[in-house]
Amino acid sequence: MATRDLPDALAPLASHCTLDVWRGDGAPTPDALAARLADADGLLCLLVDRIDATLLARAPHLRAISSVSVGVDHIDLAAATARGIPVGHTPGVLTETTADLAFALLLAAARRLVEADGFVRAGRWQAWEPDLLLGRDVHGATLGIVGFGAIGRAVARRALGFGMRVLAWSRTRRPLGDLAGAVAWAELPALLAASDFVSVHVALAPETRGLLDAAAIARMKPGAILVNTARGGIVDEAALAAALREGRLAAAGLDVFAREPLPPDDPLLALPNLVVAPHVGSASVATRARMAELAARNLLAGLAGRRMPACANPQVYGVEASETEAKR
């Protein structure tokens, strides 16, 4: 069963599976999804589809799940693992595209591009002024990267190309490789205090939910800029809004939110020093096609009883998650 009509994923599945594709408006409701899963062997889903223990209990024949996403916080991995169901995801293929978006948000927030665009379109540009829409320099500034996995490292390479100093914090410190000597490890409080820009790239997990809470945001350097392209729920949005409103932070760029879609009356949207995007970190034509193709390969492998190319719960194969993560 597929929760969306995704041609790049469905085409390679069509010759191996009988396809049941949800074609309703938006995501299927939990009851509608459960009804379609009652006889399904496999599930192709998106990050907006909540796959919890209750739903899994209503899918007795389910043998494989494949999500067209890197993050799998929408899936109850423990419940799937207990059932012996491998869960596929799509790491790696979207790394560079998401890093591009993170750096685009950083630049747009630093140079106030959205404000400038609105200023011109509103007919307010009457003359050149020396203090018009002054922003922050990116070159020569310090970037703190919270979460130094594949995407965090890709952002670091872009920052080094802009002549930035890069600090990194991660729950797990792996060798820096080609970034050794160019990037410095720092504890999170020190990173927040020293960085002109902070970019968030940790996965959403119980240990990272609320990681950048009010206390952490208060530790940030006055006038700093925060970028989040990881997951909503990592950043305390109320505390961030207060810091932006009061001018303690200069700006922010957000692609992800605790509640998605973001309601049009959300207080964040009233802030002129915030650049927002609708969770489009991986949204390039080529990358979305690669994600769909990998998701299809994951599902086909799972249904055939083979090891998935990219499995989020390798414990079902008797492999520790840490071993799998080390290979990425």
C-alpha atoms as a PDB file:
ATOM      1  CA  MET A   1       0.000   0.000   0.000  1.00  0.00           C
ATOM      2  CA  ALA A   2       1.304   3.494  -0.883  1.00  0.00           C
ATOM      3  CA  THR A   3       0.040   6.570   0.925  1.00  0.00           C
ATOM      4  CA  ARG A   4       0.687   8.789  -2.130  1.00  0.00           C
ATOM      5  CA  ASP A   5       0.930   8.514  -5.897  1.00  0.00           C
ATOM      6  CA  LEU A   6       4.715   8.664  -6.305  1.00  0.00           C
ATOM      7  CA  PRO A   7       5.533   7.651  -9.905  1.00  0.00           C
ATOM      8  CA  ASP A   8       9.302   7.368  -9.304  1.00  0.00           C
ATOM      9  CA  ALA A   9       8.676   4.874  -6.509  1.00  0.00           C
ATOM     10  CA  LEU A  10       5.639   3.072  -7.895  1.00  0.00           C
ATOM     11  CA  ALA A  11       7.062   2.358 -11.350  1.00  0.00           C
ATOM     12  CA  PRO A  12       9.730  -0.092 -10.108  1.00  0.00           C
ATOM     13  CA  LEU A  13       7.190  -1.670  -7.735  1.00  0.00           C
ATOM     14  CA  ALA A  14       4.469  -2.221 -10.333  1.00  0.00           C
ATOM     15  CA  SER A  15       5.988  -5.317 -11.912  1.00  0.00           C
ATOM     16  CA  HIS A  16       6.534  -7.009  -8.540  1.00  0.00           C
ATOM     17  CA  CYS A  17       3.513  -5.999  -6.462  1.00  0.00           C
ATOM     18  CA  THR A  18      -0.193  -5.424  -6.638  1.00  0.00           C
ATOM     19  CA  LEU A  19      -0.386  -1.712  -5.865  1.00  0.00           C
ATOM     20  CA  ASP A  20      -2.995  -0.056  -3.682  1.00  0.00           C
ATOM     21  CA  VAL A  21      -2.414   3.701  -3.878  1.00  0.00           C
ATOM     22  CA  TRP A  22      -4.168   6.301  -1.753  1.00  0.00           C
ATOM     23  CA  ARG A  23      -5.510   8.941  -4.134  1.00  0.00           C
ATOM     24  CA  GLY A  24      -7.598  10.995  -1.735  1.00  0.00           C
ATOM     25  CA  ASP A  25      -6.923  14.604  -0.836  1.00  0.00           C
ATOM     26  CA  GLY A  26      -3.951  14.927   1.508  1.00  0.00           C
ATOM     27  CA  ALA A  27      -2.823  12.151   3.806  1.00  0.00           C
ATOM     28  CA  PRO A  28      -5.118   9.233   4.640  1.00  0.00           C
ATOM     29  CA  THR A  29      -6.685   9.365   8.081  1.00  0.00           C
ATOM     30  CA  PRO A  30      -5.513   6.730  10.598  1.00  0.00           C
ATOM     31  CA  ASP A  31      -8.731   4.757  10.106  1.00  0.00           C
ATOM     32  CA  ALA A  32      -8.527   4.952   6.313  1.00  0.00           C
ATOM     33  CA  LEU A  33      -4.890   3.863   6.405  1.00  0.00           C
ATOM     34  CA  ALA A  34      -5.648   1.002   8.783  1.00  0.00           C
ATOM     35  CA  ALA A  35      -8.451  -0.216   6.519  1.00  0.00           C
ATOM     36  CA  ARG A  36      -6.140  -0.262   3.497  1.00  0.00           C
ATOM     37  CA  LEU A  37      -3.374  -1.976   5.486  1.00  0.00           C
ATOM     38  CA  ALA A  38      -5.563  -4.820   6.754  1.00  0.00           C
ATOM     39  CA  ASP A  39      -4.436  -7.099   3.914  1.00  0.00           C
ATOM     40  CA  ALA A  40      -1.209  -5.334   2.893  1.00  0.00           C
ATOM     41  CA  ASP A  41       2.223  -6.946   2.948  1.00  0.00           C
ATOM     42  CA  GLY A  42       4.168  -3.714   2.466  1.00  0.00           C
ATOM     43  CA  LEU A  43       3.754   0.001   3.114  1.00  0.00           C
ATOM     44  CA  LEU A  44       5.313   2.937   1.259  1.00  0.00           C
ATOM     45  CA  CYS A  45       4.793   6.087   3.333  1.00  0.00           C
ATOM     46  CA  LEU A  46       5.881   9.675   3.872  1.00  0.00           C
ATOM     47  CA  LEU A  47       7.065  11.537   6.965  1.00  0.00           C
ATOM     48  CA  VAL A  48       3.574  12.979   7.516  1.00  0.00           C
ATOM     49  CA  ASP A  49       2.047   9.507   7.901  1.00  0.00           C
ATOM     50  CA  ARG A  50       1.884   8.457  11.548  1.00  0.00           C
ATOM     51  CA  ILE A  51       2.745   4.755  11.780  1.00  0.00           C
ATOM     52  CA  ASP A  52       2.288   3.917  15.468  1.00  0.00           C
ATOM     53  CA  ALA A  53       1.816   0.708  17.450  1.00  0.00           C
ATOM     54  CA  THR A  54      -1.971   0.950  17.221  1.00  0.00           C
ATOM     55  CA  LEU A  55      -1.861   1.120  13.434  1.00  0.00           C
ATOM     56  CA  LEU A  56       0.652  -1.721  13.204  1.00  0.00           C
ATOM     57  CA  ALA A  57      -1.620  -3.908  15.329  1.00  0.00           C
ATOM     58  CA  ARG A  58      -4.314  -3.446  12.690  1.00  0.00           C
ATOM     59  CA  ALA A  59      -1.972  -4.610   9.904  1.00  0.00           C
ATOM     60  CA  PRO A  60      -1.419  -8.303  10.668  1.00  0.00           C
ATOM     61  CA  HIS A  61       0.167  -9.169   7.298  1.00  0.00           C
ATOM     62  CA  LEU A  62       2.590  -6.241   7.140  1.00  0.00           C
ATOM     63  CA  ARG A  63       6.167  -7.423   6.485  1.00  0.00           C
ATOM     64  CA  ALA A  64       7.992  -4.280   5.351  1.00  0.00           C
ATOM     65  CA  ILE A  65       7.717  -0.500   5.707  1.00  0.00           C
ATOM     66  CA  SER A  66       9.564   1.986   3.532  1.00  0.00           C
ATOM     67  CA  SER A  67       9.482   5.728   4.159  1.00  0.00           C
ATOM     68  CA  VAL A  68      10.438   8.339   1.565  1.00  0.00           C
ATOM     69  CA  SER A  69      12.406  10.283   4.172  1.00  0.00           C
ATOM     70  CA  VAL A  70      15.596  10.199   6.195  1.00  0.00           C
ATOM     71  CA  GLY A  71      13.917  10.824   9.538  1.00  0.00           C
ATOM     72  CA  VAL A  72      11.665   8.105  10.896  1.00  0.00           C
ATOM     73  CA  ASP A  73      10.268   9.829  13.984  1.00  0.00           C
ATOM     74  CA  HIS A  74       6.797   9.303  12.470  1.00  0.00           C
ATOM     75  CA  ILE A  75       7.209   5.523  12.779  1.00  0.00           C
ATOM     76  CA  ASP A  76       7.197   3.543  16.023  1.00  0.00           C
ATOM     77  CA  LEU A  77      10.481   1.727  15.402  1.00  0.00           C
ATOM     78  CA  ALA A  78      10.250  -0.264  18.629  1.00  0.00           C
ATOM     79  CA  ALA A  79       6.846  -1.632  17.686  1.00  0.00           C
ATOM     80  CA  ALA A  80       7.984  -2.450  14.149  1.00  0.00           C
ATOM     81  CA  THR A  81      11.128  -4.151  15.422  1.00  0.00           C
ATOM     82  CA  ALA A  82       9.124  -6.194  17.923  1.00  0.00           C
ATOM     83  CA  ARG A  83       7.085  -7.475  14.990  1.00  0.00           C
ATOM     84  CA  GLY A  84      10.229  -8.189  12.975  1.00  0.00           C
ATOM     85  CA  ILE A  85       9.253  -5.562  10.388  1.00  0.00           C
ATOM     86  CA  PRO A  86      12.220  -3.800   8.755  1.00  0.00           C
ATOM     87  CA  VAL A  87      11.763  -0.063   8.227  1.00  0.00           C
ATOM     88  CA  GLY A  88      13.498   1.498   5.246  1.00  0.00           C
ATOM     89  CA  HIS A  89      14.435   5.153   4.894  1.00  0.00           C
ATOM     90  CA  THR A  90      16.466   7.312   2.478  1.00  0.00           C
ATOM     91  CA  PRO A  91      19.694   8.635   4.035  1.00  0.00           C
ATOM     92  CA  GLY A  92      22.548   9.925   1.931  1.00  0.00           C
ATOM     93  CA  VAL A  93      20.685  10.772  -1.273  1.00  0.00           C
ATOM     94  CA  LEU A  94      19.379  14.092   0.055  1.00  0.00           C
ATOM     95  CA  THR A  95      22.456  15.244   1.991  1.00  0.00           C
ATOM     96  CA  GLU A  96      23.779  17.838  -0.448  1.00  0.00           C
ATOM     97  CA  THR A  97      20.353  19.180  -1.405  1.00  0.00           C
ATOM     98  CA  THR A  98      19.350  19.710   2.226  1.00  0.00           C
ATOM     99  CA  ALA A  99      22.693  21.362   2.953  1.00  0.00           C
ATOM    100  CA  ASP A 100      22.042  23.738   0.047  1.00  0.00           C
ATOM    101  CA  LEU A 101      18.710  24.722   1.572  1.00  0.00           C
ATOM    102  CA  ALA A 102      20.239  25.223   5.023  1.00  0.00           C
ATOM    103  CA  PHE A 103      22.859  27.545   3.610  1.00  0.00           C
ATOM    104  CA  ALA A 104      20.262  29.352   1.503  1.00  0.00           C
ATOM    105  CA  LEU A 105      18.252  30.064   4.666  1.00  0.00           C
ATOM    106  CA  LEU A 106      21.412  31.203   6.433  1.00  0.00           C
ATOM    107  CA  LEU A 107      22.250  33.660   3.655  1.00  0.00           C
ATOM    108  CA  ALA A 108      18.670  34.894   3.291  1.00  0.00           C
ATOM    109  CA  ALA A 109      18.344  35.522   7.035  1.00  0.00           C
ATOM    110  CA  ALA A 110      21.763  37.175   7.280  1.00  0.00           C
ATOM    111  CA  ARG A 111      21.155  39.586   4.401  1.00  0.00           C
ATOM    112  CA  ARG A 112      17.433  40.100   5.099  1.00  0.00           C
ATOM    113  CA  LEU A 113      16.454  39.043   1.577  1.00  0.00           C
ATOM    114  CA  VAL A 114      12.782  38.371   2.318  1.00  0.00           C
ATOM    115  CA  GLU A 115      12.424  41.772   3.977  1.00  0.00           C
ATOM    116  CA  ALA A 116      14.213  43.375   1.025  1.00  0.00           C
ATOM    117  CA  ASP A 117      11.964  41.632  -1.486  1.00  0.00           C
ATOM    118  CA  GLY A 118       8.842  42.825   0.334  1.00  0.00           C
ATOM    119  CA  PHE A 119      10.274  46.330   0.649  1.00  0.00           C
ATOM    120  CA  VAL A 120      10.715  46.641  -3.103  1.00  0.00           C
ATOM    121  CA  ARG A 121       7.387  45.010  -4.004  1.00  0.00           C
ATOM    122  CA  ALA A 122       5.525  47.333  -1.626  1.00  0.00           C
ATOM    123  CA  GLY A 123       6.886  50.375  -3.484  1.00  0.00           C
ATOM    124  CA  ARG A 124       8.859  51.574  -0.483  1.00  0.00           C
ATOM    125  CA  TRP A 125      12.200  51.829  -2.299  1.00  0.00           C
ATOM    126  CA  GLN A 126      12.520  55.551  -2.909  1.00  0.00           C
ATOM    127  CA  ALA A 127      16.282  56.097  -2.784  1.00  0.00           C
ATOM    128  CA  TRP A 128      19.572  54.479  -1.816  1.00  0.00           C
ATOM    129  CA  GLU A 129      20.245  54.978   1.888  1.00  0.00           C
ATOM    130  CA  PRO A 130      23.426  54.048   3.777  1.00  0.00           C
ATOM    131  CA  ASP A 131      21.524  52.278   6.553  1.00  0.00           C
ATOM    132  CA  LEU A 132      18.872  50.559   4.440  1.00  0.00           C
ATOM    133  CA  LEU A 133      18.256  46.914   5.438  1.00  0.00           C
ATOM    134  CA  LEU A 134      21.668  46.360   6.977  1.00  0.00           C
ATOM    135  CA  GLY A 135      22.387  42.680   7.474  1.00  0.00           C
ATOM    136  CA  ARG A 136      25.125  40.484   8.897  1.00  0.00           C
ATOM    137  CA  ASP A 137      28.318  39.364   7.183  1.00  0.00           C
ATOM    138  CA  VAL A 138      28.639  35.645   6.570  1.00  0.00           C
ATOM    139  CA  HIS A 139      32.292  35.624   5.525  1.00  0.00           C
ATOM    140  CA  GLY A 140      34.590  35.657   8.522  1.00  0.00           C
ATOM    141  CA  ALA A 141      31.763  34.756  10.920  1.00  0.00           C
ATOM    142  CA  THR A 142      31.585  31.706  13.198  1.00  0.00           C
ATOM    143  CA  LEU A 143      29.114  28.955  12.365  1.00  0.00           C
ATOM    144  CA  GLY A 144      28.118  26.472  15.054  1.00  0.00           C
ATOM    145  CA  ILE A 145      26.721  23.196  13.693  1.00  0.00           C
ATOM    146  CA  VAL A 146      24.502  21.246  16.085  1.00  0.00           C
ATOM    147  CA  GLY A 147      24.562  17.649  14.876  1.00  0.00           C
ATOM    148  CA  PHE A 148      27.596  16.719  12.807  1.00  0.00           C
ATOM    149  CA  GLY A 149      26.333  13.867  10.678  1.00  0.00           C
ATOM    150  CA  ALA A 150      26.339  13.815   6.887  1.00  0.00           C
ATOM    151  CA  ILE A 151      24.214  16.955   6.416  1.00  0.00           C
ATOM    152  CA  GLY A 152      26.031  18.892   9.136  1.00  0.00           C
ATOM    153  CA  ARG A 153      29.353  18.065   7.468  1.00  0.00           C
ATOM    154  CA  ALA A 154      28.026  19.128   4.065  1.00  0.00           C
ATOM    155  CA  VAL A 155      26.983  22.477   5.566  1.00  0.00           C
ATOM    156  CA  ALA A 156      30.452  22.810   7.118  1.00  0.00           C
ATOM    157  CA  ARG A 157      32.088  22.416   3.700  1.00  0.00           C
ATOM    158  CA  ARG A 158      29.902  25.182   2.307  1.00  0.00           C
ATOM    159  CA  ALA A 159      30.724  27.413   5.276  1.00  0.00           C
ATOM    160  CA  LEU A 160      34.455  26.866   4.844  1.00  0.00           C
ATOM    161  CA  GLY A 161      34.081  27.966   1.235  1.00  0.00           C
ATOM    162  CA  PHE A 162      32.652  31.235   2.545  1.00  0.00           C
ATOM    163  CA  GLY A 163      35.629  31.743   4.843  1.00  0.00           C
ATOM    164  CA  MET A 164      33.697  30.945   8.014  1.00  0.00           C
ATOM    165  CA  ARG A 165      35.107  29.488  11.223  1.00  0.00           C
ATOM    166  CA  VAL A 166      33.217  26.262  12.006  1.00  0.00           C
ATOM    167  CA  LEU A 167      32.455  24.742  15.406  1.00  0.00           C
ATOM    168  CA  ALA A 168      30.663  21.422  15.746  1.00  0.00           C
ATOM    169  CA  TRP A 169      28.776  19.554  18.448  1.00  0.00           C
ATOM    170  CA  SER A 170      27.390  16.050  18.159  1.00  0.00           C
ATOM    171  CA  ARG A 171      26.120  13.411  20.548  1.00  0.00           C
ATOM    172  CA  THR A 172      28.521  11.008  18.859  1.00  0.00           C
ATOM    173  CA  ARG A 173      31.920  12.291  17.781  1.00  0.00           C
ATOM    174  CA  ARG A 174      33.248  10.475  14.755  1.00  0.00           C
ATOM    175  CA  PRO A 175      36.583  11.207  13.049  1.00  0.00           C
ATOM    176  CA  LEU A 176      36.511  14.473  11.139  1.00  0.00           C
ATOM    177  CA  GLY A 177      38.230  13.001   8.094  1.00  0.00           C
ATOM    178  CA  ASP A 178      38.828  15.625   5.419  1.00  0.00           C
ATOM    179  CA  LEU A 179      37.512  18.307   7.816  1.00  0.00           C
ATOM    180  CA  ALA A 180      40.218  17.663  10.418  1.00  0.00           C
ATOM    181  CA  GLY A 181      42.046  20.887  11.157  1.00  0.00           C
ATOM    182  CA  ALA A 182      39.256  22.975   9.601  1.00  0.00           C
ATOM    183  CA  VAL A 183      36.462  22.224  12.088  1.00  0.00           C
ATOM    184  CA  ALA A 184      36.743  22.332  15.882  1.00  0.00           C
ATOM    185  CA  TRP A 185      34.642  20.302  18.315  1.00  0.00           C
ATOM    186  CA  ALA A 186      32.909  22.266  21.071  1.00  0.00           C
ATOM    187  CA  GLU A 187      30.543  21.508  23.905  1.00  0.00           C
ATOM    188  CA  LEU A 188      27.031  22.748  23.150  1.00  0.00           C
ATOM    189  CA  PRO A 189      26.942  25.683  25.645  1.00  0.00           C
ATOM    190  CA  ALA A 190      30.309  26.950  24.376  1.00  0.00           C
ATOM    191  CA  LEU A 191      29.236  26.565  20.755  1.00  0.00           C
ATOM    192  CA  LEU A 192      26.055  28.544  21.338  1.00  0.00           C
ATOM    193  CA  ALA A 193      27.911  31.342  23.109  1.00  0.00           C
ATOM    194  CA  ALA A 194      30.600  31.671  20.426  1.00  0.00           C
ATOM    195  CA  SER A 195      28.617  31.296  17.191  1.00  0.00           C
ATOM    196  CA  ASP A 196      27.322  34.100  15.000  1.00  0.00           C
ATOM    197  CA  PHE A 197      25.199  31.502  13.195  1.00  0.00           C
ATOM    198  CA  VAL A 198      23.844  28.208  14.548  1.00  0.00           C
ATOM    199  CA  SER A 199      22.570  25.535  12.148  1.00  0.00           C
ATOM    200  CA  VAL A 200      20.630  22.537  13.502  1.00  0.00           C
ATOM    201  CA  HIS A 201      21.111  19.062  12.002  1.00  0.00           C
ATOM    202  CA  VAL A 202      20.328  16.514  14.725  1.00  0.00           C
ATOM    203  CA  ALA A 203      17.648  13.873  14.283  1.00  0.00           C
ATOM    204  CA  LEU A 204      14.492  14.226  16.346  1.00  0.00           C
ATOM    205  CA  ALA A 205      14.618  11.693  19.185  1.00  0.00           C
ATOM    206  CA  PRO A 206      13.630  11.710  22.856  1.00  0.00           C
ATOM    207  CA  GLU A 207      17.165  12.914  23.663  1.00  0.00           C
ATOM    208  CA  THR A 208      17.002  15.850  21.233  1.00  0.00           C
ATOM    209  CA  ARG A 209      13.406  16.989  21.643  1.00  0.00           C
ATOM    210  CA  GLY A 210      13.628  20.480  23.105  1.00  0.00           C
ATOM    211  CA  LEU A 211      17.426  20.450  22.813  1.00  0.00           C
ATOM    212  CA  LEU A 212      17.425  24.156  21.979  1.00  0.00           C
ATOM    213  CA  ASP A 213      15.057  25.218  24.739  1.00  0.00           C
ATOM    214  CA  ALA A 214      14.675  28.667  26.301  1.00  0.00           C
ATOM    215  CA  ALA A 215      17.848  28.231  28.364  1.00  0.00           C
ATOM    216  CA  ALA A 216      19.878  27.173  25.311  1.00  0.00           C
ATOM    217  CA  ILE A 217      18.547  30.040  23.208  1.00  0.00           C
ATOM    218  CA  ALA A 218      19.428  32.444  26.035  1.00  0.00           C
ATOM    219  CA  ARG A 219      23.033  31.191  25.828  1.00  0.00           C
ATOM    220  CA  MET A 220      23.302  32.152  22.169  1.00  0.00           C
ATOM    221  CA  LYS A 221      25.479  35.073  21.232  1.00  0.00           C
ATOM    222  CA  PRO A 222      23.512  38.358  21.139  1.00  0.00           C
ATOM    223  CA  GLY A 223      22.621  39.146  17.543  1.00  0.00           C
ATOM    224  CA  ALA A 224      23.149  35.554  16.372  1.00  0.00           C
ATOM    225  CA  ILE A 225      21.090  33.840  13.673  1.00  0.00           C
ATOM    226  CA  LEU A 226      19.506  30.386  14.056  1.00  0.00           C
ATOM    227  CA  VAL A 227      18.757  28.011  11.168  1.00  0.00           C
ATOM    228  CA  ASN A 228      16.792  24.774  11.543  1.00  0.00           C
ATOM    229  CA  THR A 229      16.382  22.307   8.676  1.00  0.00           C
ATOM    230  CA  ALA A 230      16.301  19.204  10.896  1.00  0.00           C
ATOM    231  CA  ARG A 231      12.953  18.701  12.621  1.00  0.00           C
ATOM    232  CA  GLY A 232      10.445  20.804  14.483  1.00  0.00           C
ATOM    233  CA  GLY A 233      10.419  19.935  18.170  1.00  0.00           C
ATOM    234  CA  ILE A 234      14.183  20.343  18.520  1.00  0.00           C
ATOM    235  CA  VAL A 235      13.837  24.123  18.903  1.00  0.00           C
ATOM    236  CA  ASP A 236      11.506  25.760  21.431  1.00  0.00           C
ATOM    237  CA  GLU A 237       9.551  27.930  19.007  1.00  0.00           C
ATOM    238  CA  ALA A 238       7.982  30.131  21.698  1.00  0.00           C
ATOM    239  CA  ALA A 239      11.409  30.913  23.152  1.00  0.00           C
ATOM    240  CA  LEU A 240      12.791  31.560  19.667  1.00  0.00           C
ATOM    241  CA  ALA A 241       9.914  33.898  18.828  1.00  0.00           C
ATOM    242  CA  ALA A 242      10.523  35.841  22.037  1.00  0.00           C
ATOM    243  CA  ALA A 243      14.251  36.158  21.298  1.00  0.00           C
ATOM    244  CA  LEU A 244      13.533  37.404  17.768  1.00  0.00           C
ATOM    245  CA  ARG A 245      10.829  39.790  18.903  1.00  0.00           C
ATOM    246  CA  GLU A 246      13.053  41.291  21.595  1.00  0.00           C
ATOM    247  CA  GLY A 247      16.052  41.565  19.286  1.00  0.00           C
ATOM    248  CA  ARG A 248      18.258  39.208  21.311  1.00  0.00           C
ATOM    249  CA  LEU A 249      18.660  37.200  18.121  1.00  0.00           C
ATOM    250  CA  ALA A 250      19.010  39.025  14.825  1.00  0.00           C
ATOM    251  CA  ALA A 251      17.108  36.551  12.686  1.00  0.00           C
ATOM    252  CA  ALA A 252      16.226  32.928  12.046  1.00  0.00           C
ATOM    253  CA  GLY A 253      15.591  30.652   9.084  1.00  0.00           C
ATOM    254  CA  LEU A 254      13.237  27.702   9.577  1.00  0.00           C
ATOM    255  CA  ASP A 255      12.231  24.914   7.216  1.00  0.00           C
ATOM    256  CA  VAL A 256      10.663  22.714   9.910  1.00  0.00           C
ATOM    257  CA  PHE A 257       8.171  23.287  12.703  1.00  0.00           C
ATOM    258  CA  ALA A 258       6.664  21.484  15.674  1.00  0.00           C
ATOM    259  CA  ARG A 259       3.294  21.666  13.942  1.00  0.00           C
ATOM    260  CA  GLU A 260       3.142  21.230  10.194  1.00  0.00           C
ATOM    261  CA  PRO A 261       1.643  22.799   8.193  1.00  0.00           C
ATOM    262  CA  LEU A 262       2.345  25.961  10.172  1.00  0.00           C
ATOM    263  CA  PRO A 263      -0.994  27.686  10.925  1.00  0.00           C
ATOM    264  CA  PRO A 264      -1.299  31.091   9.218  1.00  0.00           C
ATOM    265  CA  ASP A 265      -1.977  32.735  12.593  1.00  0.00           C
ATOM    266  CA  ASP A 266       1.156  31.314  14.222  1.00  0.00           C
ATOM    267  CA  PRO A 267       3.024  34.099  16.103  1.00  0.00           C
ATOM    268  CA  LEU A 268       6.224  33.225  14.254  1.00  0.00           C
ATOM    269  CA  LEU A 269       4.764  34.515  10.991  1.00  0.00           C
ATOM    270  CA  ALA A 270       4.342  38.006  12.432  1.00  0.00           C
ATOM    271  CA  LEU A 271       8.109  38.362  12.827  1.00  0.00           C
ATOM    272  CA  PRO A 272       9.852  40.268  10.007  1.00  0.00           C
ATOM    273  CA  ASN A 273      13.259  38.819  10.952  1.00  0.00           C
ATOM    274  CA  LEU A 274      12.222  35.227  10.264  1.00  0.00           C
ATOM    275  CA  VAL A 275      12.629  33.430   6.926  1.00  0.00           C
ATOM    276  CA  VAL A 276      10.329  30.405   6.579  1.00  0.00           C
ATOM    277  CA  ALA A 277      10.001  27.532   4.125  1.00  0.00           C
ATOM    278  CA  PRO A 278       7.430  24.678   4.036  1.00  0.00           C
ATOM    279  CA  HIS A 279       9.723  21.707   4.843  1.00  0.00           C
ATOM    280  CA  VAL A 280      11.419  21.660   1.448  1.00  0.00           C
ATOM    281  CA  GLY A 281      14.959  20.664   2.438  1.00  0.00           C
ATOM    282  CA  SER A 282      15.090  17.804  -0.065  1.00  0.00           C
ATOM    283  CA  ALA A 283      12.827  19.406  -2.650  1.00  0.00           C
ATOM    284  CA  SER A 284      14.792  19.249  -5.855  1.00  0.00           C
ATOM    285  CA  VAL A 285      13.607  17.244  -8.840  1.00  0.00           C
ATOM    286  CA  ALA A 286      16.670  14.998  -8.911  1.00  0.00           C
ATOM    287  CA  THR A 287      16.827  14.378  -5.169  1.00  0.00           C
ATOM    288  CA  ARG A 288      13.154  13.529  -4.752  1.00  0.00           C
ATOM    289  CA  ALA A 289      13.506  11.038  -7.623  1.00  0.00           C
ATOM    290  CA  ARG A 290      16.510   9.412  -5.923  1.00  0.00           C
ATOM    291  CA  MET A 291      14.624   9.233  -2.624  1.00  0.00           C
ATOM    292  CA  ALA A 292      11.659   7.530  -4.283  1.00  0.00           C
ATOM    293  CA  GLU A 293      13.919   5.059  -6.079  1.00  0.00           C
ATOM    294  CA  LEU A 294      15.727   4.087  -2.862  1.00  0.00           C
ATOM    295  CA  ALA A 295      12.405   3.767  -1.030  1.00  0.00           C
ATOM    296  CA  ALA A 296      11.185   1.360  -3.716  1.00  0.00           C
ATOM    297  CA  ARG A 297      14.364  -0.720  -3.473  1.00  0.00           C
ATOM    298  CA  ASN A 298      13.986  -0.856   0.308  1.00  0.00           C
ATOM    299  CA  LEU A 299      10.412  -2.091   0.023  1.00  0.00           C
ATOM    300  CA  LEU A 300      11.168  -4.703  -2.624  1.00  0.00           C
ATOM    301  CA  ALA A 301      14.044  -6.063  -0.551  1.00  0.00           C
ATOM    302  CA  GLY A 302      11.911  -6.208   2.572  1.00  0.00           C
ATOM    303  CA  LEU A 303       9.090  -8.028   0.820  1.00  0.00           C
ATOM    304  CA  ALA A 304      11.555 -10.522  -0.672  1.00  0.00           C
ATOM    305  CA  GLY A 305      13.083 -11.243   2.731  1.00  0.00           C
ATOM    306  CA  ARG A 306      16.383  -9.600   1.788  1.00  0.00           C
ATOM    307  CA  ARG A 307      18.192  -6.948   3.778  1.00  0.00           C
ATOM    308  CA  MET A 308      17.064  -3.433   2.878  1.00  0.00           C
ATOM    309  CA  PRO A 309      19.735  -1.167   1.338  1.00  0.00           C
ATOM    310  CA  ALA A 310      18.959   1.464   4.000  1.00  0.00           C
ATOM    311  CA  CYS A 311      17.276   0.146   7.133  1.00  0.00           C
ATOM    312  CA  ALA A 312      16.424   2.367  10.110  1.00  0.00           C
ATOM    313  CA  ASN A 313      16.028  -0.568  12.516  1.00  0.00           C
ATOM    314  CA  PRO A 314      18.866  -2.943  11.634  1.00  0.00           C
ATOM    315  CA  GLN A 315      18.186  -4.828  14.879  1.00  0.00           C
ATOM    316  CA  VAL A 316      15.701  -6.908  12.871  1.00  0.00           C
ATOM    317  CA  TYR A 317      18.763  -8.335  11.105  1.00  0.00           C
ATOM    318  CA  GLY A 318      20.719  -8.789  14.320  1.00  0.00           C
ATOM    319  CA  VAL A 319      22.875  -5.709  13.680  1.00  0.00           C
ATOM    320  CA  GLU A 320      23.333  -2.950  16.239  1.00  0.00           C
ATOM    321  CA  ALA A 321      22.156   0.492  15.153  1.00  0.00           C
ATOM    322  CA  SER A 322      25.490   2.015  16.113  1.00  0.00           C
ATOM    323  CA  GLU A 323      27.293  -0.265  13.662  1.00  0.00           C
ATOM    324  CA  THR A 324      24.963   0.755  10.857  1.00  0.00           C
ATOM    325  CA  GLU A 325      25.259   4.450  11.676  1.00  0.00           C
ATOM    326  CA  ALA A 326      29.063   4.239  11.611  1.00  0.00           C
ATOM    327  CA  LYS A 327      28.915   3.149   7.976  1.00  0.00           C
ATOM    328  CA  ARG A 328      26.977   6.192   6.802  1.00  0.00           C
END
